[in-house]
């Protein structure tokens, strides 16, 4: 089991990871859900071929999902400000050490 899967499994039983083509570690897209997503998402090859991940691709995938699919939202549309990599690394170090607990500013 990959490190990312073991980290998210307690919160999201269902997930779909799209790795960059010919790579088992470079994550392009990550879909998380509490209900089964697999029947509603495109094949791995269709998203793994993108040279760089982009928001338009995810929006297109979400728009094309059937009416019976679980409701999904783009993470960027849920938070006031996307965190920077430096901030994420610092926060993860503090969370892992038990010094702080995660706080996310969610849009109303």
Protein backbone atom coordinates (compact mmCIF):
# COMPACT_ATOMS: atom_id res chain seq x y z
CA UNK A 1 0.00 0.00 0.00
CA UNK A 2 1.43 3.36 -0.99
CA UNK A 3 2.19 6.00 1.63
CA UNK A 4 -0.47 8.37 0.31
CA UNK A 5 -3.15 5.65 0.38
CA UNK A 6 -2.32 4.65 3.96
CA UNK A 7 -2.48 8.32 5.01
CA UNK A 8 -5.92 9.02 3.48
CA UNK A 9 -7.59 5.66 4.14
CA UNK A 10 -8.87 6.56 7.65
CA UNK A 11 -10.83 9.50 6.18
CA UNK A 12 -11.63 8.39 2.65
CA UNK A 13 -12.37 4.72 2.08
CA UNK A 14 -12.81 5.36 -1.63
CA UNK A 15 -10.15 7.10 -3.63
CA UNK A 16 -8.73 7.14 -7.11
CA UNK A 17 -5.17 8.18 -7.80
CA UNK A 18 -4.07 9.06 -11.32
CA UNK A 19 -0.30 8.88 -11.60
CA UNK A 20 1.72 10.52 -14.35
CA UNK A 21 2.04 8.11 -17.27
CA UNK A 22 4.89 5.62 -16.70
CA UNK A 23 5.32 6.71 -13.06
CA UNK A 24 4.10 5.02 -9.92
CA UNK A 25 4.89 7.94 -7.64
CA UNK A 26 4.07 11.25 -9.39
CA UNK A 27 0.42 11.97 -8.54
CA UNK A 28 -1.40 13.98 -11.22
CA UNK A 29 -4.93 13.83 -9.84
CA UNK A 30 -6.41 12.56 -6.60
CA UNK A 31 -10.15 11.98 -6.10
CA UNK A 32 -11.38 11.33 -2.54
CA UNK A 33 -14.83 10.18 -1.45
CA UNK A 34 -16.77 8.39 1.24
CA UNK A 35 -18.70 6.45 -1.43
CA UNK A 36 -17.56 4.41 -4.44
CA UNK A 37 -16.18 6.58 -7.23
CA UNK A 38 -14.70 3.95 -9.53
CA UNK A 39 -17.70 3.44 -11.87
CA UNK A 40 -18.02 7.20 -12.46
CA UNK A 41 -14.43 8.22 -13.18
CA UNK A 42 -12.57 8.03 -16.50
CA UNK A 43 -9.92 5.42 -17.22
CA UNK A 44 -6.48 5.90 -15.71
CA UNK A 45 -4.92 6.42 -19.11
CA UNK A 46 -7.12 9.39 -20.01
CA UNK A 47 -5.91 11.52 -17.09
CA UNK A 48 -2.39 10.12 -16.75
CA UNK A 49 -1.39 11.39 -20.19
CA UNK A 50 -1.68 15.09 -19.31
CA UNK A 51 1.76 16.69 -19.26
CA UNK A 52 0.76 18.76 -16.24
CA UNK A 53 -2.35 18.46 -14.08
CA UNK A 54 -4.82 21.29 -14.52
CA UNK A 55 -8.06 22.49 -13.02
CA UNK A 56 -9.93 22.59 -16.35
CA UNK A 57 -9.43 18.84 -16.78
CA UNK A 58 -10.89 18.11 -13.34
CA UNK A 59 -13.86 20.41 -13.95
CA UNK A 60 -14.50 18.62 -17.26
CA UNK A 61 -14.38 15.21 -15.55
CA UNK A 62 -16.78 16.36 -12.81
CA UNK A 63 -19.18 17.83 -15.39
CA UNK A 64 -19.21 14.57 -17.37
CA UNK A 65 -20.01 12.37 -14.38
CA UNK A 66 -23.48 10.85 -14.41
CA UNK A 67 -26.39 11.97 -12.23
CA UNK A 68 -25.93 8.87 -10.06
CA UNK A 69 -22.30 9.74 -9.24
CA UNK A 70 -21.40 11.02 -5.78
CA UNK A 71 -21.23 14.81 -5.58
CA UNK A 72 -17.64 15.95 -5.84
CA UNK A 73 -16.11 19.39 -5.60
CA UNK A 74 -12.74 20.72 -6.58
CA UNK A 75 -10.67 21.33 -3.43
CA UNK A 76 -9.62 24.76 -4.71
CA UNK A 77 -13.30 25.80 -4.78
CA UNK A 78 -13.73 24.94 -1.08
CA UNK A 79 -10.90 26.89 0.52
CA UNK A 80 -10.35 30.63 0.69
CA UNK A 81 -6.71 30.38 -0.31
CA UNK A 82 -4.66 27.51 -1.70
CA UNK A 83 -1.76 26.76 0.66
CA UNK A 84 1.79 27.17 -0.60
CA UNK A 85 4.19 24.19 -0.60
CA UNK A 86 6.44 25.78 2.07
CA UNK A 87 3.41 26.25 4.34
CA UNK A 88 2.18 22.69 3.76
CA UNK A 89 5.57 21.20 4.68
CA UNK A 90 5.87 23.33 7.82
CA UNK A 91 2.30 22.52 8.88
CA UNK A 92 2.78 18.77 8.28
CA UNK A 93 5.90 18.81 10.47
CA UNK A 94 3.94 20.51 13.28
CA UNK A 95 0.93 18.18 12.90
CA UNK A 96 3.13 15.09 12.87
CA UNK A 97 4.91 16.25 16.02
CA UNK A 98 1.56 16.87 17.72
CA UNK A 99 2.36 20.55 18.27
CA UNK A 100 -0.62 21.82 16.28
CA UNK A 101 -3.87 20.53 14.82
CA UNK A 102 -5.00 21.19 11.24
CA UNK A 103 -7.15 24.27 10.62
CA UNK A 104 -8.65 24.98 7.21
CA UNK A 105 -10.44 28.19 6.30
CA UNK A 106 -13.53 27.02 4.42
CA UNK A 107 -15.55 29.33 2.23
CA UNK A 108 -19.01 30.03 3.65
